[in-house]
Amino acid sequence: MTLKQRIKGFVEVGLFINRHFSGKQAPAEIGLHQGLDKVIEMAHIYNNWFIPKFVNDAIFNIGNYLKEEDLDAFSAAIKEKEPKTIAIICAGNIPMVCFHDILCVLLSGNKALIKLSSDDNVLLPFFLKLLTHYEPLFEEQILFADGKISNFDAVIATGSDNTASHLHYYFAKYPNIIRKSRGSAAVLTGKESREDLKNLGTDIFQYFGLGCRNVSKLLVPTGYNFDTLFECLVDFGFVVNNKKYGNNYDYHRAIYLLESMSFLDNNFLMIKESTDLHSPVGVLYYQFYNTNEEINEYFMANAAQLQCVVGTDYIPFGYSQRPVITDFADNVNTLEFLVNL
């Protein structure tokens, strides 16, 4: 299968996604669109974090970067060579979070040996089956691992800081990309519009804040007043109706109260001062700054844990969870790693 054929297969998947959300569904594909609707329902049944709204967001965002011109440019460095088998150990924190890794492996002409997360094991198989529907030759490149993975040449794995150390030990003899936990921050100046702050709510609450690109930390000028921010976040109050989110919110609220910790609260989000980057579900950390130098110092000190930054001079508000095809997790170029194997 040529690179052109591989690109065309993914382009067709992107077009299908766009037709699904635009309502311009081809009559011959009605069954596929109905199948996707059922899979989205199943994903929510298996994993209560995967509410249909957020699953649709994830699928829609993937469709946005499966455009022919983007894939052509993205694939420019790929050289045809003997395929290798790449083990992909998938995370399950947000819907289809490993799709980009699979895209890189398959576009590069390699075989993908996929170890699905039990938290996200119905969405990816549907879209990979859809991919083989448009380009049957992909069937030879896609493998699934149920138990212990074996017979592979390199590894791409995503996990927590704790699991990453085990993965590094276990896969030390293989070329690998082992990702750890990361978080994202937003820089506020106090001059943001209400629309900016509403869009920031998307960066905070999309996928219930479980993604590495979700904002978990605010850097705000000394004396910042949070009242307007709370007002602008009111439309996201639905998150607390999710049992898992609500349990996390209640748990951490109880802990803070018992330990007499100071925090701000709007009944679905607590904002608490902390120097840490990673905040628990239901909590947003903040830290005061006086100068831009202090902002830069914070980012330099936390560079190994920082995925992205939102703000007027950074990623626009509302776009943290809308990565383009060249945005790589942990800022490690997955495609370059595969091309150079």
Protein backbone atom coordinates (compact mmCIF):
# COMPACT_ATOMS: atom_id res chain seq x y z
CA MET A 1 0.00 0.00 0.00
CA THR A 2 1.39 3.37 -1.01
CA LEU A 3 1.54 6.48 1.17
CA LYS A 4 -1.04 8.07 -1.12
CA GLN A 5 -3.45 5.19 -0.43
CA ARG A 6 -2.86 5.45 3.30
CA ILE A 7 -3.55 9.18 3.28
CA LYS A 8 -6.69 8.67 1.20
CA GLY A 9 -8.04 6.17 3.74
CA PHE A 10 -7.72 8.67 6.58
CA VAL A 11 -9.13 11.47 4.45
CA GLU A 12 -12.23 9.36 3.85
CA VAL A 13 -12.62 8.83 7.59
CA GLY A 14 -12.38 12.60 8.07
CA LEU A 15 -15.02 13.20 5.41
CA PHE A 16 -17.29 10.64 7.08
CA ILE A 17 -16.92 12.47 10.40
CA ASN A 18 -17.71 15.78 8.76
CA ARG A 19 -20.80 14.31 7.08
CA HIS A 20 -21.91 12.84 10.39
CA PHE A 21 -21.90 16.18 12.17
CA SER A 22 -23.09 18.31 9.26
CA GLY A 23 -26.18 16.15 8.67
CA LYS A 24 -25.12 15.53 5.06
CA GLN A 25 -25.07 11.78 5.42
CA ALA A 26 -24.78 9.73 2.25
CA PRO A 27 -27.77 7.36 1.88
CA ALA A 28 -25.44 4.39 1.33
CA GLU A 29 -23.76 5.09 4.69
CA ILE A 30 -26.81 5.51 6.90
CA GLY A 31 -26.01 2.21 8.60
CA LEU A 32 -22.49 3.40 9.41
CA HIS A 33 -23.78 6.64 10.90
CA GLN A 34 -26.34 4.75 12.98
CA GLY A 35 -23.56 2.42 14.08
CA LEU A 36 -21.50 5.39 15.25
CA ASP A 37 -24.44 6.72 17.26
CA LYS A 38 -24.76 3.33 18.98
CA VAL A 39 -21.03 3.15 19.67
CA ILE A 40 -21.17 6.61 21.30
CA GLU A 41 -23.99 5.36 23.55
CA MET A 42 -22.00 2.22 24.38
CA ALA A 43 -18.91 4.26 25.25
CA HIS A 44 -20.94 6.15 27.85
CA ILE A 45 -22.34 2.92 29.30
CA TYR A 46 -18.84 1.45 29.68
CA ASN A 47 -17.29 4.66 30.98
CA ASN A 48 -19.44 7.27 32.72
CA TRP A 49 -16.82 9.96 32.05
CA PHE A 50 -17.51 9.61 28.30
CA ILE A 51 -20.73 11.57 28.05
CA PRO A 52 -22.00 11.88 24.44
CA LYS A 53 -21.28 15.62 24.31
CA PHE A 54 -17.59 15.11 25.04
CA VAL A 55 -17.28 12.03 22.82
CA ASN A 56 -18.77 14.02 19.95
CA ASP A 57 -16.30 16.83 20.66
CA ALA A 58 -13.37 14.41 20.48
CA ILE A 59 -14.55 12.84 17.23
CA PHE A 60 -15.30 16.21 15.65
CA ASN A 61 -11.82 17.50 16.53
CA ILE A 62 -10.20 14.44 14.94
CA GLY A 63 -12.21 15.03 11.79
CA ASN A 64 -10.82 18.55 11.62
CA TYR A 65 -7.24 17.37 11.14
CA LEU A 66 -7.95 14.53 8.70
CA LYS A 67 -7.87 16.87 5.72
CA GLU A 68 -5.91 15.91 2.63
CA GLU A 69 -3.72 19.02 2.53
CA ASP A 70 -2.85 18.65 6.24
CA LEU A 71 -2.08 14.95 5.91
CA ASP A 72 0.04 15.53 2.81
CA ALA A 73 2.16 18.12 4.61
CA PHE A 74 2.30 16.03 7.78
CA SER A 75 3.51 12.97 5.84
CA ALA A 76 6.14 14.75 3.74
CA ALA A 77 9.07 13.20 5.64
CA ILE A 78 7.80 9.61 5.45
CA LYS A 79 10.02 7.21 3.51
CA GLU A 80 8.75 3.86 2.27
CA LYS A 81 10.62 1.01 3.96
CA GLU A 82 10.07 -2.43 5.44
CA PRO A 83 7.26 -2.11 8.00
CA LYS A 84 7.90 -2.66 11.68
CA THR A 85 5.39 -3.55 14.38
CA ILE A 86 4.78 -0.76 16.86
CA ALA A 87 3.07 -1.59 20.14
CA ILE A 88 0.70 1.18 21.20
CA ILE A 89 -0.43 1.06 24.84
CA CYS A 90 -3.45 3.32 24.90
CA ALA A 91 -4.61 5.60 27.67
CA GLY A 92 -8.31 5.99 28.41
CA ASN A 93 -8.57 9.33 30.17
CA ILE A 94 -10.38 11.08 27.31
CA PRO A 95 -12.18 9.65 24.26
CA MET A 96 -9.91 8.32 21.50
CA VAL A 97 -6.84 9.92 23.05
CA CYS A 98 -4.56 7.42 21.24
CA PHE A 99 -5.96 8.05 17.76
CA HIS A 100 -3.08 10.37 16.86
CA ASP A 101 -0.50 7.71 17.78
CA ILE A 102 -2.31 5.15 15.63
CA LEU A 103 -2.51 7.66 12.79
CA CYS A 104 1.26 8.22 12.94
CA VAL A 105 2.05 4.51 13.01
CA LEU A 106 -0.24 3.63 10.11
CA LEU A 107 0.68 6.63 7.96
CA SER A 108 4.36 5.80 8.38
CA GLY A 109 3.68 2.38 6.83
CA ASN A 110 4.21 0.42 10.04
CA LYS A 111 1.92 -2.09 11.71
CA ALA A 112 0.01 -1.04 14.82
CA LEU A 113 -0.23 -3.56 17.66
CA ILE A 114 -2.86 -1.87 19.81
CA LYS A 115 -3.41 -2.53 23.50
CA LEU A 116 -6.70 -0.77 24.23
CA SER A 117 -7.54 0.79 27.56
CA SER A 118 -10.52 -0.85 29.27
CA ASP A 119 -11.89 2.70 29.67
CA ASP A 120 -11.92 3.33 25.91
CA ASN A 121 -12.38 0.06 24.04
CA VAL A 122 -15.31 0.64 21.67
CA LEU A 123 -14.64 3.97 19.93
CA LEU A 124 -11.21 3.22 18.46
CA PRO A 125 -12.21 -0.20 17.05
CA PHE A 126 -15.17 1.41 15.28
CA PHE A 127 -13.01 4.01 13.56
CA LEU A 128 -10.31 1.51 12.67
CA LYS A 129 -12.98 -0.72 11.12
CA LEU A 130 -14.22 2.35 9.26
CA LEU A 131 -10.66 2.96 8.05
CA THR A 132 -10.44 -0.56 6.64
CA HIS A 133 -13.86 -0.07 5.06
CA TYR A 134 -12.41 2.77 2.98
CA GLU A 135 -8.99 1.15 2.49
CA PRO A 136 -9.08 -2.66 3.00
CA LEU A 137 -5.29 -2.96 2.80
CA PHE A 138 -5.10 -1.40 6.27
CA GLU A 139 -6.36 -4.70 7.70
CA GLU A 140 -2.83 -6.08 7.37
CA GLN A 141 -1.45 -3.20 9.42
CA ILE A 142 -3.86 -3.27 12.39
CA LEU A 143 -3.50 -5.81 15.21
CA PHE A 144 -5.04 -5.90 18.68
CA ALA A 145 -3.42 -7.32 21.81
CA ASP A 146 -5.62 -8.81 24.52
CA GLY A 147 -3.18 -9.98 27.15
CA LYS A 148 0.60 -9.63 27.27
CA ILE A 149 1.94 -7.95 24.15
CA SER A 150 4.72 -9.64 22.18
CA ASN A 151 6.44 -9.66 18.79
CA PHE A 152 6.96 -5.94 18.34
CA ASP A 153 9.84 -3.66 17.40
CA ALA A 154 9.09 -0.42 19.28
CA VAL A 155 6.65 0.94 21.85
CA ILE A 156 4.51 4.04 22.31
CA ALA A 157 2.87 4.12 25.73
CA THR A 158 1.02 6.65 27.83
CA GLY A 159 0.49 6.40 31.57
CA SER A 160 0.75 8.14 34.90
CA ASP A 161 4.08 9.06 36.48
CA ASN A 162 3.91 5.83 38.50
CA THR A 163 3.14 3.54 35.57
CA ALA A 164 5.68 5.31 33.34
CA SER A 165 8.56 4.15 35.54
CA HIS A 166 7.36 0.55 35.22
CA LEU A 167 6.93 0.94 31.48
CA HIS A 168 10.45 2.34 31.13
CA TYR A 169 11.80 -0.69 32.99
CA TYR A 170 9.71 -3.22 31.09
CA PHE A 171 10.40 -1.80 27.62
CA ALA A 172 13.95 -0.59 28.19
CA LYS A 173 15.42 -2.74 25.41
CA TYR A 174 13.02 -1.39 22.77
CA PRO A 175 12.97 2.00 21.06
CA ASN A 176 10.18 3.77 22.88
CA ILE A 177 8.14 6.83 23.65
CA ILE A 178 6.92 6.60 27.25
CA ARG A 179 4.71 9.49 28.31
CA LYS A 180 4.05 10.67 31.85
CA SER A 181 1.35 12.83 33.41
CA ARG A 182 1.19 16.40 32.13
CA GLY A 183 -1.01 19.38 32.80
CA SER A 184 -1.81 22.73 31.24
CA ALA A 185 -2.04 26.26 32.52
CA ALA A 186 -3.68 29.55 31.64
CA VAL A 187 -2.26 33.02 32.07
CA LEU A 188 -4.78 35.74 32.96
CA THR A 189 -4.00 39.45 33.01
CA GLY A 190 -7.31 40.72 34.39
CA LYS A 191 -8.11 42.38 31.05
CA GLU A 192 -9.86 39.36 29.51
CA SER A 193 -13.33 39.81 28.07
CA ARG A 194 -16.28 37.83 29.37
CA GLU A 195 -16.15 35.84 26.14
CA ASP A 196 -12.52 34.95 26.82
CA LEU A 197 -13.43 33.68 30.28
CA LYS A 198 -16.37 31.68 28.96
CA ASN A 199 -14.04 30.06 26.44
CA LEU A 200 -11.59 29.36 29.25
CA GLY A 201 -14.39 27.31 30.78
CA THR A 202 -14.09 24.92 27.83
CA ASP A 203 -10.36 24.57 28.47
CA ILE A 204 -11.10 23.73 32.11
CA PHE A 205 -14.20 21.52 31.91
CA GLN A 206 -14.10 19.71 28.57
CA TYR A 207 -13.68 15.97 29.23
CA PHE A 208 -14.24 16.89 32.92
CA GLY A 209 -10.68 18.20 33.06
CA LEU A 210 -9.13 14.75 32.66
CA GLY A 211 -6.90 15.53 29.67
CA CYS A 212 -3.31 16.71 29.73
CA ARG A 213 -4.41 19.71 27.64
CA ASN A 214 -7.10 20.73 30.14
CA VAL A 215 -6.27 23.83 32.16
CA SER A 216 -5.67 22.80 35.76
CA LYS A 217 -3.72 25.87 36.87
CA LEU A 218 -4.23 29.64 36.57
CA LEU A 219 -1.50 32.24 36.81
CA VAL A 220 -3.20 35.49 37.80
CA PRO A 221 -1.94 38.96 38.77
CA THR A 222 -1.66 39.66 42.47
CA GLY A 223 -5.02 40.73 43.88
CA TYR A 224 -7.00 39.17 41.02
CA ASN A 225 -10.77 39.11 41.67
CA PHE A 226 -12.37 35.79 40.68
CA ASP A 227 -16.00 37.00 40.73
CA THR A 228 -16.28 37.62 36.99
CA LEU A 229 -14.61 34.31 36.20
CA PHE A 230 -17.14 32.46 38.35
CA GLU A 231 -19.98 34.30 36.61
CA CYS A 232 -18.62 33.31 33.21
CA LEU A 233 -18.31 29.64 34.17
CA VAL A 234 -21.94 29.19 35.22
CA ASP A 235 -22.90 27.39 31.99
CA PHE A 236 -20.55 24.54 32.90
CA GLY A 237 -22.42 23.67 36.07
CA PHE A 238 -23.76 20.52 34.37
CA VAL A 239 -20.47 18.75 35.14
CA VAL A 240 -21.39 18.26 38.78
CA ASN A 241 -24.39 16.16 37.71
CA ASN A 242 -21.97 13.52 36.50
CA LYS A 243 -21.67 11.04 39.35
CA LYS A 244 -17.91 10.59 39.05
CA TYR A 245 -17.20 14.31 38.83
CA GLY A 246 -19.64 15.03 41.64
CA ASN A 247 -18.03 12.44 43.90
CA ASN A 248 -14.58 13.95 43.28
CA TYR A 249 -15.85 17.46 43.93
CA ASP A 250 -17.59 16.42 47.18
CA TYR A 251 -14.58 14.46 48.39
CA HIS A 252 -12.05 17.24 47.94
CA ARG A 253 -14.45 19.83 49.33
CA ALA A 254 -14.85 17.75 52.48
CA ILE A 255 -11.08 17.37 52.82
CA TYR A 256 -10.49 21.11 52.45
CA LEU A 257 -13.20 21.91 54.99
CA LEU A 258 -11.92 19.37 57.51
CA GLU A 259 -8.39 20.73 57.21
CA SER A 260 -9.61 24.37 57.32
CA MET A 261 -8.03 25.14 53.96
CA SER A 262 -8.94 28.35 52.16
CA PHE A 263 -10.68 28.02 48.79
CA LEU A 264 -13.31 29.65 46.58
CA ASP A 265 -16.38 27.66 45.60
CA ASN A 266 -19.30 27.98 43.19
CA ASN A 267 -20.93 24.59 43.96
CA PHE A 268 -19.29 22.75 41.05
CA LEU A 269 -15.71 24.04 41.06
CA MET A 270 -13.28 24.96 43.81
CA ILE A 271 -10.48 27.43 43.12
CA LYS A 272 -7.56 27.01 45.49
CA GLU A 273 -4.16 28.66 45.76
CA SER A 274 -1.28 26.27 45.15
CA THR A 275 2.12 26.19 43.48
CA ASP A 276 1.31 22.75 42.01
CA LEU A 277 0.38 22.34 38.36
CA HIS A 278 -1.87 19.27 38.62
CA SER A 279 -5.17 19.85 40.42
CA PRO A 280 -7.70 17.16 41.36
CA VAL A 281 -10.99 16.76 39.48
CA GLY A 282 -13.36 19.49 40.64
CA VAL A 283 -10.51 21.79 41.68
CA LEU A 284 -8.64 24.53 39.83
CA TYR A 285 -5.34 25.76 41.26
CA TYR A 286 -4.16 29.35 40.99
CA GLN A 287 -0.98 31.25 41.74
CA PHE A 288 -0.34 34.99 41.84
CA TYR A 289 2.36 36.71 39.81
CA ASN A 290 3.72 40.26 39.73
CA THR A 291 5.90 40.26 36.61
CA ASN A 292 6.20 38.41 33.31
CA GLU A 293 9.54 37.13 34.53
CA GLU A 294 7.75 35.23 37.30
CA ILE A 295 5.48 33.63 34.69
CA ASN A 296 8.46 32.55 32.61
CA GLU A 297 10.26 31.21 35.67
CA TYR A 298 7.23 29.11 36.59
CA PHE A 299 7.00 27.64 33.11
CA MET A 300 10.71 26.87 33.02
CA ALA A 301 10.55 25.17 36.42
CA ASN A 302 7.58 23.05 35.30
CA ALA A 303 8.57 22.46 31.68
CA ALA A 304 8.73 18.68 32.10
CA GLN A 305 5.13 18.59 33.32
CA LEU A 306 3.59 21.28 31.13
CA GLN A 307 1.66 20.33 28.00
CA CYS A 308 0.33 23.69 26.81
CA VAL A 309 -0.48 27.24 27.91
CA VAL A 310 -3.67 29.19 27.23
CA GLY A 311 -3.90 32.96 27.23
CA THR A 312 -3.84 36.14 25.18
CA ASP A 313 -0.23 35.57 24.08
CA TYR A 314 -0.49 31.79 23.96
CA ILE A 315 -3.08 29.28 22.70
CA PRO A 316 -6.39 31.18 22.29
CA PHE A 317 -8.98 30.68 25.02
CA GLY A 318 -11.22 27.71 24.23
CA TYR A 319 -8.69 25.93 21.99
CA SER A 320 -6.58 23.86 24.36
CA GLN A 321 -8.48 20.68 23.47
CA ARG A 322 -8.50 21.42 19.75
CA PRO A 323 -4.97 20.39 18.78
CA VAL A 324 -3.83 20.47 15.17
CA ILE A 325 -2.19 17.46 13.58
CA THR A 326 1.31 18.73 14.40
CA ASP A 327 0.58 19.05 18.14
CA PHE A 328 2.31 16.06 19.72
CA ALA A 329 1.71 14.75 23.23
CA ASP A 330 4.61 15.62 25.56
CA ASN A 331 5.97 17.68 22.63
CA VAL A 332 7.71 14.54 21.31
CA ASN A 333 7.43 14.20 17.53
CA THR A 334 5.91 10.74 17.20
CA LEU A 335 6.14 10.68 13.41
CA GLU A 336 9.83 11.61 13.44
CA PHE A 337 10.46 8.81 15.96
CA LEU A 338 8.77 6.32 13.62
CA VAL A 339 10.46 7.54 10.45
CA ASN A 340 13.89 7.22 12.07
CA LEU A 341 13.42 3.71 13.47
